Amino acid sequence: MTAAEEYLARVSRGLAGMDRRVREDILRELRAHLADAVADGGEPAVAARLEPPEALAARYKELYGYGKPFRALFVAVAVALAVPTLPLLLFAGYGSTVAFGVALAFLAVLAAYLILVALKAGSTAGLSAGAGACVARFVTLAAFEASAGGIVPDASSLILFIGVSGVLLAIGFLPGHAKEKWKPRDVSL
């Protein structure tokens, strides 16, 4: 395997998660650029001037984002983490301390996950994951209120529930938006 082929293979691995068509276009363009550069200056000289493939792949991923399957996976994980953020262990006979402790722990994990998604995949993916988590919390609450009742004892608890669910949207959106706005743009590739 030549140095150019190895470089392209490493870039391709770094582009994992992107839309297949976008990834193929990027690799085709890089392959043509490398072939032209090698024809002009020889492979060793070109290899010495190349940006690290992981850094190049990260910049492309930041520019074009993740593909739909990965964004759907981000939402699915957020939905799965959102369900146990309600004190469902109350229905299993555990005390309120344990049930609310577990729910708060899952809420902290969900918030950290949403921040990570927003920072790594962008504000749109983070907002989608936050919206999925918010909707999952409402659906779970409605299902348990309809079947067993008793998770939300009064109006102030319902207001707190709605507020926390709304904050999940902000947690999913704001870190990625701030990163996008505050990061200096590098337009060279």
C-alpha atoms as a PDB file:
ATOM      1  CA  MET A   1       0.000   0.000   0.000  1.00  0.00           C
ATOM      2  CA  THR A   2       1.434   3.377  -1.003  1.00  0.00           C
ATOM      3  CA  ALA A   3       1.665   6.321   1.381  1.00  0.00           C
ATOM      4  CA  ALA A   4      -1.213   8.053  -0.447  1.00  0.00           C
ATOM      5  CA  GLU A   5      -3.441   4.959  -0.159  1.00  0.00           C
ATOM      6  CA  GLU A   6      -2.622   4.611   3.545  1.00  0.00           C
ATOM      7  CA  TYR A   7      -3.413   8.306   4.045  1.00  0.00           C
ATOM      8  CA  LEU A   8      -6.782   7.922   2.300  1.00  0.00           C
ATOM      9  CA  ALA A   9      -7.585   4.801   4.336  1.00  0.00           C
ATOM     10  CA  ARG A  10      -6.923   6.693   7.579  1.00  0.00           C
ATOM     11  CA  VAL A  11      -9.057   9.626   6.413  1.00  0.00           C
ATOM     12  CA  SER A  12     -11.827   7.194   5.475  1.00  0.00           C
ATOM     13  CA  ARG A  13     -11.771   5.641   8.965  1.00  0.00           C
ATOM     14  CA  GLY A  14     -11.981   9.140  10.448  1.00  0.00           C
ATOM     15  CA  LEU A  15     -15.049   9.910   8.337  1.00  0.00           C
ATOM     16  CA  ALA A  16     -17.028   7.011   9.834  1.00  0.00           C
ATOM     17  CA  GLY A  17     -20.565   8.055  10.686  1.00  0.00           C
ATOM     18  CA  MET A  18     -20.927  10.536   7.848  1.00  0.00           C
ATOM     19  CA  ASP A  19     -23.402  10.160   5.017  1.00  0.00           C
ATOM     20  CA  ARG A  20     -21.989   7.573   2.601  1.00  0.00           C
ATOM     21  CA  ARG A  21     -22.344   9.796  -0.478  1.00  0.00           C
ATOM     22  CA  VAL A  22     -20.639  12.758   1.186  1.00  0.00           C
ATOM     23  CA  ARG A  23     -17.829  10.515   2.440  1.00  0.00           C
ATOM     24  CA  GLU A  24     -17.299   9.061  -1.046  1.00  0.00           C
ATOM     25  CA  ASP A  25     -17.228  12.549  -2.609  1.00  0.00           C
ATOM     26  CA  ILE A  26     -14.629  13.700  -0.087  1.00  0.00           C
ATOM     27  CA  LEU A  27     -12.436  10.661  -0.709  1.00  0.00           C
ATOM     28  CA  ARG A  28     -12.770  10.987  -4.480  1.00  0.00           C
ATOM     29  CA  GLU A  29     -11.735  14.648  -4.299  1.00  0.00           C
ATOM     30  CA  LEU A  30      -8.806  13.861  -1.991  1.00  0.00           C
ATOM     31  CA  ARG A  31      -7.701  10.983  -4.222  1.00  0.00           C
ATOM     32  CA  ALA A  32      -7.653  13.282  -7.265  1.00  0.00           C
ATOM     33  CA  HIS A  33      -5.840  16.010  -5.334  1.00  0.00           C
ATOM     34  CA  LEU A  34      -3.224  13.547  -4.084  1.00  0.00           C
ATOM     35  CA  ALA A  35      -2.730  12.072  -7.561  1.00  0.00           C
ATOM     36  CA  ASP A  36      -2.137  15.561  -8.996  1.00  0.00           C
ATOM     37  CA  ALA A  37       0.240  16.468  -6.185  1.00  0.00           C
ATOM     38  CA  VAL A  38       2.192  13.215  -6.538  1.00  0.00           C
ATOM     39  CA  ALA A  39       2.501  13.760 -10.305  1.00  0.00           C
ATOM     40  CA  ASP A  40       3.880  17.259  -9.675  1.00  0.00           C
ATOM     41  CA  GLY A  41       6.220  16.637  -6.762  1.00  0.00           C
ATOM     42  CA  GLY A  42       6.615  12.954  -6.061  1.00  0.00           C
ATOM     43  CA  GLU A  43       5.011  10.930  -3.296  1.00  0.00           C
ATOM     44  CA  PRO A  44       7.612  11.478  -0.528  1.00  0.00           C
ATOM     45  CA  ALA A  45       7.423  15.276  -0.880  1.00  0.00           C
ATOM     46  CA  VAL A  46       3.620  15.223  -0.850  1.00  0.00           C
ATOM     47  CA  ALA A  47       3.457  12.889   2.151  1.00  0.00           C
ATOM     48  CA  ALA A  48       5.678  15.250   4.139  1.00  0.00           C
ATOM     49  CA  ARG A  49       3.328  18.208   3.555  1.00  0.00           C
ATOM     50  CA  LEU A  50       0.044  16.475   4.353  1.00  0.00           C
ATOM     51  CA  GLU A  51      -2.104  17.373   7.333  1.00  0.00           C
ATOM     52  CA  PRO A  52      -2.616  14.462   9.732  1.00  0.00           C
ATOM     53  CA  PRO A  53      -5.472  12.337   8.325  1.00  0.00           C
ATOM     54  CA  GLU A  54      -7.391  12.269  11.613  1.00  0.00           C
ATOM     55  CA  ALA A  55      -7.328  16.072  11.822  1.00  0.00           C
ATOM     56  CA  LEU A  56      -8.484  16.398   8.210  1.00  0.00           C
ATOM     57  CA  ALA A  57     -11.289  13.889   8.781  1.00  0.00           C
ATOM     58  CA  ALA A  58     -12.381  15.734  11.937  1.00  0.00           C
ATOM     59  CA  ARG A  59     -12.590  19.007  10.018  1.00  0.00           C
ATOM     60  CA  TYR A  60     -14.662  17.416   7.266  1.00  0.00           C
ATOM     61  CA  LYS A  61     -16.925  15.781   9.849  1.00  0.00           C
ATOM     62  CA  GLU A  62     -17.358  19.137  11.567  1.00  0.00           C
ATOM     63  CA  LEU A  63     -18.157  20.768   8.236  1.00  0.00           C
ATOM     64  CA  TYR A  64     -20.639  18.167   6.934  1.00  0.00           C
ATOM     65  CA  GLY A  65     -21.835  16.448  10.124  1.00  0.00           C
ATOM     66  CA  TYR A  66     -23.009  12.921  10.741  1.00  0.00           C
ATOM     67  CA  GLY A  67     -25.327  10.939   8.481  1.00  0.00           C
ATOM     68  CA  LYS A  68     -28.981  10.197   9.243  1.00  0.00           C
ATOM     69  CA  PRO A  69     -28.393   6.723  10.730  1.00  0.00           C
ATOM     70  CA  PHE A  70     -25.966   8.112  13.297  1.00  0.00           C
ATOM     71  CA  ARG A  71     -28.254  11.034  14.160  1.00  0.00           C
ATOM     72  CA  ALA A  72     -31.104   8.533  14.629  1.00  0.00           C
ATOM     73  CA  LEU A  73     -28.838   6.488  16.897  1.00  0.00           C
ATOM     74  CA  PHE A  74     -28.108   9.607  18.974  1.00  0.00           C
ATOM     75  CA  VAL A  75     -31.856  10.162  19.419  1.00  0.00           C
ATOM     76  CA  ALA A  76     -32.507   6.488  20.230  1.00  0.00           C
ATOM     77  CA  VAL A  77     -29.878   6.499  22.978  1.00  0.00           C
ATOM     78  CA  ALA A  78     -31.309   9.735  24.399  1.00  0.00           C
ATOM     79  CA  VAL A  79     -34.801   8.211  24.423  1.00  0.00           C
ATOM     80  CA  ALA A  80     -33.509   5.087  26.184  1.00  0.00           C
ATOM     81  CA  LEU A  81     -31.735   7.204  28.796  1.00  0.00           C
ATOM     82  CA  ALA A  82     -34.784   9.456  29.288  1.00  0.00           C
ATOM     83  CA  VAL A  83     -37.213   6.733  30.359  1.00  0.00           C
ATOM     84  CA  PRO A  84     -35.485   5.905  33.684  1.00  0.00           C
ATOM     85  CA  THR A  85     -35.233   9.622  34.546  1.00  0.00           C
ATOM     86  CA  LEU A  86     -38.689   9.198  36.044  1.00  0.00           C
ATOM     87  CA  PRO A  87     -38.942   7.488  39.447  1.00  0.00           C
ATOM     88  CA  LEU A  88     -40.359   4.287  37.990  1.00  0.00           C
ATOM     89  CA  LEU A  89     -38.859   2.172  40.756  1.00  0.00           C
ATOM     90  CA  LEU A  90     -41.682   3.427  42.977  1.00  0.00           C
ATOM     91  CA  PHE A  91     -43.929   0.939  41.180  1.00  0.00           C
ATOM     92  CA  ALA A  92     -41.488  -1.887  41.859  1.00  0.00           C
ATOM     93  CA  GLY A  93     -41.815  -1.370  45.597  1.00  0.00           C
ATOM     94  CA  TYR A  94     -38.603   0.555  46.200  1.00  0.00           C
ATOM     95  CA  GLY A  95     -38.687   3.525  48.519  1.00  0.00           C
ATOM     96  CA  SER A  96     -38.848   7.069  47.257  1.00  0.00           C
ATOM     97  CA  THR A  97     -35.207   7.737  48.179  1.00  0.00           C
ATOM     98  CA  VAL A  98     -33.950   4.923  45.960  1.00  0.00           C
ATOM     99  CA  ALA A  99     -36.417   5.644  43.146  1.00  0.00           C
ATOM    100  CA  PHE A 100     -35.637   9.357  43.014  1.00  0.00           C
ATOM    101  CA  GLY A 101     -31.910   8.746  43.467  1.00  0.00           C
ATOM    102  CA  VAL A 102     -31.808   6.420  40.475  1.00  0.00           C
ATOM    103  CA  ALA A 103     -33.936   8.855  38.449  1.00  0.00           C
ATOM    104  CA  LEU A 104     -31.579  11.756  39.259  1.00  0.00           C
ATOM    105  CA  ALA A 105     -28.548   9.644  38.367  1.00  0.00           C
ATOM    106  CA  PHE A 106     -30.062   8.825  34.972  1.00  0.00           C
ATOM    107  CA  LEU A 107     -30.964  12.490  34.504  1.00  0.00           C
ATOM    108  CA  ALA A 108     -27.324  13.460  35.107  1.00  0.00           C
ATOM    109  CA  VAL A 109     -26.138  10.808  32.631  1.00  0.00           C
ATOM    110  CA  LEU A 110     -28.709  12.011  30.084  1.00  0.00           C
ATOM    111  CA  ALA A 111     -27.599  15.637  30.481  1.00  0.00           C
ATOM    112  CA  ALA A 112     -23.936  14.660  30.021  1.00  0.00           C
ATOM    113  CA  TYR A 113     -24.856  12.587  26.967  1.00  0.00           C
ATOM    114  CA  LEU A 114     -26.794  15.472  25.394  1.00  0.00           C
ATOM    115  CA  ILE A 115     -23.869  17.828  25.957  1.00  0.00           C
ATOM    116  CA  LEU A 116     -21.515  15.315  24.352  1.00  0.00           C
ATOM    117  CA  VAL A 117     -23.791  14.854  21.338  1.00  0.00           C
ATOM    118  CA  ALA A 118     -24.142  18.614  20.909  1.00  0.00           C
ATOM    119  CA  LEU A 119     -20.388  19.162  21.081  1.00  0.00           C
ATOM    120  CA  LYS A 120     -19.425  16.229  18.852  1.00  0.00           C
ATOM    121  CA  ALA A 121     -22.285  16.147  16.338  1.00  0.00           C
ATOM    122  CA  GLY A 122     -23.502  19.759  16.395  1.00  0.00           C
ATOM    123  CA  SER A 123     -26.429  21.712  17.711  1.00  0.00           C
ATOM    124  CA  THR A 124     -28.977  20.181  15.345  1.00  0.00           C
ATOM    125  CA  ALA A 125     -28.140  16.621  16.393  1.00  0.00           C
ATOM    126  CA  GLY A 126     -28.074  17.705  20.039  1.00  0.00           C
ATOM    127  CA  LEU A 127     -31.442  19.407  19.719  1.00  0.00           C
ATOM    128  CA  SER A 128     -32.904  16.315  18.054  1.00  0.00           C
ATOM    129  CA  ALA A 129     -31.586  14.098  20.850  1.00  0.00           C
ATOM    130  CA  GLY A 130     -32.895  16.553  23.464  1.00  0.00           C
ATOM    131  CA  ALA A 131     -36.304  16.628  21.794  1.00  0.00           C
ATOM    132  CA  GLY A 132     -36.396  12.838  21.688  1.00  0.00           C
ATOM    133  CA  ALA A 133     -35.564  12.696  25.402  1.00  0.00           C
ATOM    134  CA  CYS A 134     -38.191  15.328  26.199  1.00  0.00           C
ATOM    135  CA  VAL A 135     -40.901  13.495  24.271  1.00  0.00           C
ATOM    136  CA  ALA A 136     -39.873  10.159  25.810  1.00  0.00           C
ATOM    137  CA  ARG A 137     -40.255  11.631  29.296  1.00  0.00           C
ATOM    138  CA  PHE A 138     -43.770  12.898  28.490  1.00  0.00           C
ATOM    139  CA  VAL A 139     -44.828   9.607  26.888  1.00  0.00           C
ATOM    140  CA  THR A 140     -43.451   7.609  29.820  1.00  0.00           C
ATOM    141  CA  LEU A 141     -45.206   9.873  32.300  1.00  0.00           C
ATOM    142  CA  ALA A 142     -48.495   9.615  30.419  1.00  0.00           C
ATOM    143  CA  ALA A 143     -48.232   5.831  30.192  1.00  0.00           C
ATOM    144  CA  PHE A 144     -47.577   5.380  33.898  1.00  0.00           C
ATOM    145  CA  GLU A 145     -50.147   7.957  34.963  1.00  0.00           C
ATOM    146  CA  ALA A 146     -52.752   6.189  32.832  1.00  0.00           C
ATOM    147  CA  SER A 147     -51.899   2.700  34.055  1.00  0.00           C
ATOM    148  CA  ALA A 148     -50.750   3.095  37.648  1.00  0.00           C
ATOM    149  CA  GLY A 149     -51.010   6.765  38.554  1.00  0.00           C
ATOM    150  CA  GLY A 150     -49.094   8.470  41.284  1.00  0.00           C
ATOM    151  CA  ILE A 151     -45.779   9.633  39.801  1.00  0.00           C
ATOM    152  CA  VAL A 152     -46.839  13.276  39.799  1.00  0.00           C
ATOM    153  CA  PRO A 153     -48.541  13.974  43.144  1.00  0.00           C
ATOM    154  CA  ASP A 154     -49.379  17.680  42.637  1.00  0.00           C
ATOM    155  CA  ALA A 155     -49.259  20.660  40.281  1.00  0.00           C
ATOM    156  CA  SER A 156     -45.871  21.899  41.490  1.00  0.00           C
ATOM    157  CA  SER A 157     -44.349  18.491  40.684  1.00  0.00           C
ATOM    158  CA  LEU A 158     -45.873  18.651  37.211  1.00  0.00           C
ATOM    159  CA  ILE A 159     -44.430  22.140  36.661  1.00  0.00           C
ATOM    160  CA  LEU A 160     -41.009  20.883  37.791  1.00  0.00           C
ATOM    161  CA  PHE A 161     -41.311  17.909  35.439  1.00  0.00           C
ATOM    162  CA  ILE A 162     -42.205  20.168  32.499  1.00  0.00           C
ATOM    163  CA  GLY A 163     -39.357  22.531  33.346  1.00  0.00           C
ATOM    164  CA  VAL A 164     -36.755  19.787  33.552  1.00  0.00           C
ATOM    165  CA  SER A 165     -38.014  18.287  30.300  1.00  0.00           C
ATOM    166  CA  GLY A 166     -37.756  21.689  28.605  1.00  0.00           C
ATOM    167  CA  VAL A 167     -34.229  22.170  29.919  1.00  0.00           C
ATOM    168  CA  LEU A 168     -33.233  18.975  28.100  1.00  0.00           C
ATOM    169  CA  LEU A 169     -33.923  20.797  24.826  1.00  0.00           C
ATOM    170  CA  ALA A 170     -31.585  23.612  25.857  1.00  0.00           C
ATOM    171  CA  ILE A 171     -28.922  21.180  27.076  1.00  0.00           C
ATOM    172  CA  GLY A 172     -29.043  19.425  23.707  1.00  0.00           C
ATOM    173  CA  PHE A 173     -28.837  22.632  21.685  1.00  0.00           C
ATOM    174  CA  LEU A 174     -26.773  25.261  23.491  1.00  0.00           C
ATOM    175  CA  PRO A 175     -23.342  23.583  23.844  1.00  0.00           C
ATOM    176  CA  GLY A 176     -23.178  22.755  20.144  1.00  0.00           C
ATOM    177  CA  HIS A 177     -24.492  26.182  19.165  1.00  0.00           C
ATOM    178  CA  ALA A 178     -21.933  27.904  21.392  1.00  0.00           C
ATOM    179  CA  LYS A 179     -19.134  25.796  19.935  1.00  0.00           C
ATOM    180  CA  GLU A 180     -20.251  26.631  16.398  1.00  0.00           C
ATOM    181  CA  LYS A 181     -20.485  30.369  17.122  1.00  0.00           C
ATOM    182  CA  TRP A 182     -17.374  30.822  19.236  1.00  0.00           C
ATOM    183  CA  LYS A 183     -14.968  28.611  17.356  1.00  0.00           C
ATOM    184  CA  PRO A 184     -12.840  30.522  14.844  1.00  0.00           C
ATOM    185  CA  ARG A 185     -13.558  29.368  11.319  1.00  0.00           C
ATOM    186  CA  ASP A 186     -10.791  27.696   9.371  1.00  0.00           C
ATOM    187  CA  VAL A 187     -11.841  27.625   5.740  1.00  0.00           C
ATOM    188  CA  SER A 188      -8.744  25.946   4.332  1.00  0.00           C
ATOM    189  CA  LEU A 189      -8.869  22.251   3.488  1.00  0.00           C
END
